[in-house]
Structures are given as structure tokens and as C-alpha cells.
């Protein structure tokens, strides 16, 4: 199966809602249902007309936290989700690669995120493999975009 990474559109809405519901991402499912998007950059991973993954964030992060090596303006991932049934097929790293590529093209050098509370140990391990490091002042992770791009993949042959 080939997986395509594309920008989110309303044609993905029902399938993305099903993914959020199946993975117990209730807040995101409700926001989607109400048409409330908090961030401007959204991508989906689609295989056989099924949404298998999703990443959402911004290329304009200017949060007030102590950024250390990753000063604003930078990109920020807010949600990264891959279907439980599709994990370990490089979909998450491919979504992250697309997000990082576009952020670099938008003139950003770094990417930050808070690891999702769902499966924190697994998520932390995944993000470390992608080149992220914990920031000393908080629970946020950060990485230079070129590091993320070097540690993630472009295409997903499942």
C-alpha cells in the first residue's frame, strides 16, 4: 500500500473524525466536528482512501517559553497522530518530514513540540529518533529542521 501525504481539506473530514474517535482524541474530534481549526498547517496521511495519520501545527510559533537553542520564530507541531493499526510503517516520520520540509521552505530553522500525553514513553522515543532533544527549562522538545529532515523519511511504502 502506498501512503500519500497531503494538506488537509474538507474531503478528509469524515475519515479524520473517524481516526480521532478511534484513537480517543476526543478534543480534536469535537473541534473538527465544529469546524474549529486552531492551527493553520494540517497534513494527512492517506492510504486506500483511509486517513491513517495527521499532523497539525504552525510555522509562526512565538511562545514565551525559554527556547534555548530554538528561538522564535520557529515551527511548532501541536498534534501528531498515526492510527494504532498503521504504526511502525514510518507514517509518523513521513508526516513529520513533510511538515519540516514546508517549515524550512517557509524560512524556519527549528521545530518544537510538547510530547503528546498518549503513550508518553513511546512518543518520547519516537521524537528522539527523529532528532529532538528535551529543552532544559520545560517538557518541550526541540530540534533544528535539518536534523529532523536527516532523521525522517520522505515516502512510505507500506
C-alpha atoms as a PDB file:
ATOM      1  CA  UNK A   1       0.000   0.000   0.000  1.00  0.00           C
ATOM      2  CA  UNK A   2       1.233   3.458  -0.859  1.00  0.00           C
ATOM      3  CA  UNK A   3       0.557   6.312   1.533  1.00  0.00           C
ATOM      4  CA  UNK A   4       0.207   9.864   0.291  1.00  0.00           C
ATOM      5  CA  UNK A   5       0.902  12.889   2.476  1.00  0.00           C
ATOM      6  CA  UNK A   6      -1.281  15.821   1.511  1.00  0.00           C
ATOM      7  CA  UNK A   7      -2.604  19.011   3.020  1.00  0.00           C
ATOM      8  CA  UNK A   8      -5.850  18.538   4.912  1.00  0.00           C
ATOM      9  CA  UNK A   9      -9.043  19.519   3.102  1.00  0.00           C
ATOM     10  CA  UNK A  10     -12.719  19.116   3.902  1.00  0.00           C
ATOM     11  CA  UNK A  11     -12.746  15.936   1.800  1.00  0.00           C
ATOM     12  CA  UNK A  12     -10.747  14.306   4.630  1.00  0.00           C
ATOM     13  CA  UNK A  13     -13.096  15.490   7.365  1.00  0.00           C
ATOM     14  CA  UNK A  14     -15.167  12.330   7.960  1.00  0.00           C
ATOM     15  CA  UNK A  15     -12.183   9.975   7.733  1.00  0.00           C
ATOM     16  CA  UNK A  16     -10.134  12.186  10.056  1.00  0.00           C
ATOM     17  CA  UNK A  17     -13.012  12.366  12.524  1.00  0.00           C
ATOM     18  CA  UNK A  18     -13.155   8.552  12.481  1.00  0.00           C
ATOM     19  CA  UNK A  19      -9.395   8.403  13.197  1.00  0.00           C
ATOM     20  CA  UNK A  20      -9.670  10.866  16.101  1.00  0.00           C
ATOM     21  CA  UNK A  21     -12.608   8.939  17.544  1.00  0.00           C
ATOM     22  CA  UNK A  22     -10.927   5.539  17.179  1.00  0.00           C
ATOM     23  CA  UNK A  23      -7.731   6.789  18.846  1.00  0.00           C
ATOM     24  CA  UNK A  24      -9.571   8.543  21.702  1.00  0.00           C
ATOM     25  CA  UNK A  25      -8.598  12.073  20.657  1.00  0.00           C
ATOM     26  CA  UNK A  26     -11.922  13.481  21.800  1.00  0.00           C
ATOM     27  CA  UNK A  27     -10.961  17.164  21.865  1.00  0.00           C
ATOM     28  CA  UNK A  28      -9.642  17.052  18.306  1.00  0.00           C
ATOM     29  CA  UNK A  29     -12.710  15.116  17.124  1.00  0.00           C
ATOM     30  CA  UNK A  30     -15.018  17.727  18.662  1.00  0.00           C
ATOM     31  CA  UNK A  31     -13.043  20.646  17.198  1.00  0.00           C
ATOM     32  CA  UNK A  32     -13.142  19.023  13.775  1.00  0.00           C
ATOM     33  CA  UNK A  33     -16.874  18.401  14.063  1.00  0.00           C
ATOM     34  CA  UNK A  34     -17.399  22.087  14.895  1.00  0.00           C
ATOM     35  CA  UNK A  35     -15.027  23.267  12.164  1.00  0.00           C
ATOM     36  CA  UNK A  36     -12.653  24.834  14.687  1.00  0.00           C
ATOM     37  CA  UNK A  37      -9.073  24.629  13.481  1.00  0.00           C
ATOM     38  CA  UNK A  38      -6.590  26.121  15.903  1.00  0.00           C
ATOM     39  CA  UNK A  39      -3.524  25.962  13.668  1.00  0.00           C
ATOM     40  CA  UNK A  40      -3.007  26.751  10.013  1.00  0.00           C
ATOM     41  CA  UNK A  41      -0.806  23.833   8.936  1.00  0.00           C
ATOM     42  CA  UNK A  42      -2.539  20.449   8.712  1.00  0.00           C
ATOM     43  CA  UNK A  43      -1.490  17.364   6.766  1.00  0.00           C
ATOM     44  CA  UNK A  44      -2.991  13.891   6.457  1.00  0.00           C
ATOM     45  CA  UNK A  45      -1.515  10.524   5.502  1.00  0.00           C
ATOM     46  CA  UNK A  46      -3.964   8.695   3.236  1.00  0.00           C
ATOM     47  CA  UNK A  47      -3.809   5.086   2.064  1.00  0.00           C
ATOM     48  CA  UNK A  48      -6.630   3.394   0.130  1.00  0.00           C
ATOM     49  CA  UNK A  49      -8.905   6.387   0.843  1.00  0.00           C
ATOM     50  CA  UNK A  50      -8.413   5.970   4.604  1.00  0.00           C
ATOM     51  CA  UNK A  51      -6.804   8.650   6.752  1.00  0.00           C
ATOM     52  CA  UNK A  52      -4.006   6.829   8.582  1.00  0.00           C
ATOM     53  CA  UNK A  53      -2.287   9.807  10.184  1.00  0.00           C
ATOM     54  CA  UNK A  54      -2.447  13.518  10.872  1.00  0.00           C
ATOM     55  CA  UNK A  55      -0.094  16.337  11.859  1.00  0.00           C
ATOM     56  CA  UNK A  56      -1.154  19.848  12.834  1.00  0.00           C
ATOM     57  CA  UNK A  57       0.856  22.884  13.835  1.00  0.00           C
ATOM     58  CA  UNK A  58       2.102  26.316  12.922  1.00  0.00           C
ATOM     59  CA  UNK A  59       5.089  27.851  11.182  1.00  0.00           C
ATOM     60  CA  UNK A  60       4.652  31.007  13.285  1.00  0.00           C
ATOM     61  CA  UNK A  61       5.330  29.838  16.839  1.00  0.00           C
ATOM     62  CA  UNK A  62       6.455  32.667  19.098  1.00  0.00           C
ATOM     63  CA  UNK A  63       5.566  31.222  22.520  1.00  0.00           C
ATOM     64  CA  UNK A  64       7.020  32.833  25.615  1.00  0.00           C
ATOM     65  CA  UNK A  65       8.794  29.734  26.988  1.00  0.00           C
ATOM     66  CA  UNK A  66      12.589  29.706  27.254  1.00  0.00           C
ATOM     67  CA  UNK A  67      13.601  28.299  23.845  1.00  0.00           C
ATOM     68  CA  UNK A  68      17.316  27.731  24.402  1.00  0.00           C
ATOM     69  CA  UNK A  69      18.784  26.751  21.044  1.00  0.00           C
ATOM     70  CA  UNK A  70      15.493  27.164  19.197  1.00  0.00           C
ATOM     71  CA  UNK A  71      14.462  30.839  19.292  1.00  0.00           C
ATOM     72  CA  UNK A  72      11.289  32.211  17.704  1.00  0.00           C
ATOM     73  CA  UNK A  73      10.122  32.384  15.065  1.00  0.00           C
ATOM     74  CA  UNK A  74      10.070  28.634  14.711  1.00  0.00           C
ATOM     75  CA  UNK A  75       7.643  25.923  13.636  1.00  0.00           C
ATOM     76  CA  UNK A  76       5.627  24.006  16.199  1.00  0.00           C
ATOM     77  CA  UNK A  77       3.844  20.660  15.991  1.00  0.00           C
ATOM     78  CA  UNK A  78       0.743  20.521  18.168  1.00  0.00           C
ATOM     79  CA  UNK A  79      -0.744  17.164  17.175  1.00  0.00           C
ATOM     80  CA  UNK A  80       0.870  14.152  15.521  1.00  0.00           C
ATOM     81  CA  UNK A  81      -1.269  11.034  15.336  1.00  0.00           C
ATOM     82  CA  UNK A  82      -0.993   7.750  13.456  1.00  0.00           C
ATOM     83  CA  UNK A  83      -3.665   5.072  13.578  1.00  0.00           C
ATOM     84  CA  UNK A  84      -2.761   2.298  16.017  1.00  0.00           C
ATOM     85  CA  UNK A  85      -3.239  -0.224  13.212  1.00  0.00           C
ATOM     86  CA  UNK A  86      -0.805   1.650  10.932  1.00  0.00           C
ATOM     87  CA  UNK A  87       2.025   2.359  13.371  1.00  0.00           C
ATOM     88  CA  UNK A  88       5.572   1.160  12.741  1.00  0.00           C
ATOM     89  CA  UNK A  89       5.189   1.761   9.000  1.00  0.00           C
ATOM     90  CA  UNK A  90       7.044   5.103   9.009  1.00  0.00           C
ATOM     91  CA  UNK A  91       3.872   7.142   8.583  1.00  0.00           C
ATOM     92  CA  UNK A  92       4.601   9.386  11.578  1.00  0.00           C
ATOM     93  CA  UNK A  93       8.123  10.151  10.427  1.00  0.00           C
ATOM     94  CA  UNK A  94       6.866  10.833   6.895  1.00  0.00           C
ATOM     95  CA  UNK A  95       4.242  13.261   8.203  1.00  0.00           C
ATOM     96  CA  UNK A  96       6.908  14.950  10.317  1.00  0.00           C
ATOM     97  CA  UNK A  97       9.234  15.098   7.295  1.00  0.00           C
ATOM     98  CA  UNK A  98       6.578  16.862   5.190  1.00  0.00           C
ATOM     99  CA  UNK A  99       5.826  19.337   7.988  1.00  0.00           C
ATOM    100  CA  UNK A 100       9.558  20.039   8.495  1.00  0.00           C
ATOM    101  CA  UNK A 101      10.194  20.423   4.741  1.00  0.00           C
ATOM    102  CA  UNK A 102       7.447  23.010   4.402  1.00  0.00           C
ATOM    103  CA  UNK A 103       8.576  24.801   7.582  1.00  0.00           C
ATOM    104  CA  UNK A 104      12.123  25.046   6.220  1.00  0.00           C
ATOM    105  CA  UNK A 105      10.732  26.374   2.925  1.00  0.00           C
ATOM    106  CA  UNK A 106       8.831  28.982   4.992  1.00  0.00           C
ATOM    107  CA  UNK A 107      12.144  30.219   6.427  1.00  0.00           C
ATOM    108  CA  UNK A 108      12.114  28.485   9.810  1.00  0.00           C
ATOM    109  CA  UNK A 109      15.190  26.778  11.303  1.00  0.00           C
ATOM    110  CA  UNK A 110      13.724  24.858  14.227  1.00  0.00           C
ATOM    111  CA  UNK A 111      10.746  22.806  15.303  1.00  0.00           C
ATOM    112  CA  UNK A 112       9.379  22.462  18.829  1.00  0.00           C
ATOM    113  CA  UNK A 113       6.616  20.401  20.413  1.00  0.00           C
ATOM    114  CA  UNK A 114       5.268  19.021  23.657  1.00  0.00           C
ATOM    115  CA  UNK A 115       5.178  15.216  23.575  1.00  0.00           C
ATOM    116  CA  UNK A 116       1.560  14.057  23.491  1.00  0.00           C
ATOM    117  CA  UNK A 117       0.273  12.572  26.765  1.00  0.00           C
ATOM    118  CA  UNK A 118      -0.957   9.438  24.916  1.00  0.00           C
ATOM    119  CA  UNK A 119       1.836   6.832  25.343  1.00  0.00           C
ATOM    120  CA  UNK A 120       4.472   9.312  26.594  1.00  0.00           C
ATOM    121  CA  UNK A 121       7.386   6.842  26.660  1.00  0.00           C
ATOM    122  CA  UNK A 122       6.708   5.665  23.103  1.00  0.00           C
ATOM    123  CA  UNK A 123       6.274   9.210  21.842  1.00  0.00           C
ATOM    124  CA  UNK A 124       9.458  10.426  23.500  1.00  0.00           C
ATOM    125  CA  UNK A 125      11.392   7.546  21.950  1.00  0.00           C
ATOM    126  CA  UNK A 126       9.925   8.324  18.504  1.00  0.00           C
ATOM    127  CA  UNK A 127      10.778  12.020  18.710  1.00  0.00           C
ATOM    128  CA  UNK A 128      14.312  11.318  19.928  1.00  0.00           C
ATOM    129  CA  UNK A 129      14.847   9.050  16.900  1.00  0.00           C
ATOM    130  CA  UNK A 130      13.698  11.980  14.751  1.00  0.00           C
ATOM    131  CA  UNK A 131      16.400  14.200  16.290  1.00  0.00           C
ATOM    132  CA  UNK A 132      14.531  16.040  19.054  1.00  0.00           C
ATOM    133  CA  UNK A 133      16.049  16.858  22.431  1.00  0.00           C
ATOM    134  CA  UNK A 134      14.405  17.941  25.662  1.00  0.00           C
ATOM    135  CA  UNK A 135      14.658  21.645  26.416  1.00  0.00           C
ATOM    136  CA  UNK A 136      16.183  22.284  29.842  1.00  0.00           C
ATOM    137  CA  UNK A 137      13.533  24.707  31.082  1.00  0.00           C
ATOM    138  CA  UNK A 138      10.355  22.669  30.463  1.00  0.00           C
ATOM    139  CA  UNK A 139       8.917  19.465  28.993  1.00  0.00           C
ATOM    140  CA  UNK A 140       9.097  20.777  25.426  1.00  0.00           C
ATOM    141  CA  UNK A 141      11.273  19.084  22.805  1.00  0.00           C
ATOM    142  CA  UNK A 142      13.130  20.893  20.052  1.00  0.00           C
ATOM    143  CA  UNK A 143      15.240  20.195  17.005  1.00  0.00           C
ATOM    144  CA  UNK A 144      16.777  22.029  14.095  1.00  0.00           C
ATOM    145  CA  UNK A 145      14.755  21.346  10.959  1.00  0.00           C
ATOM    146  CA  UNK A 146      17.763  19.991   9.068  1.00  0.00           C
ATOM    147  CA  UNK A 147      18.261  17.441  11.868  1.00  0.00           C
ATOM    148  CA  UNK A 148      14.610  16.375  11.655  1.00  0.00           C
ATOM    149  CA  UNK A 149      14.854  16.067   7.872  1.00  0.00           C
ATOM    150  CA  UNK A 150      18.002  13.945   8.150  1.00  0.00           C
ATOM    151  CA  UNK A 151      16.281  11.587  10.617  1.00  0.00           C
ATOM    152  CA  UNK A 152      12.886  11.166   8.942  1.00  0.00           C
ATOM    153  CA  UNK A 153      11.727   9.659   5.669  1.00  0.00           C
ATOM    154  CA  UNK A 154      10.196  11.103   2.518  1.00  0.00           C
ATOM    155  CA  UNK A 155       7.963   8.304   1.266  1.00  0.00           C
ATOM    156  CA  UNK A 156       6.059   5.483   2.876  1.00  0.00           C
ATOM    157  CA  UNK A 157       5.944   2.117   1.154  1.00  0.00           C
ATOM    158  CA  UNK A 158       3.697   0.044   3.423  1.00  0.00           C
END
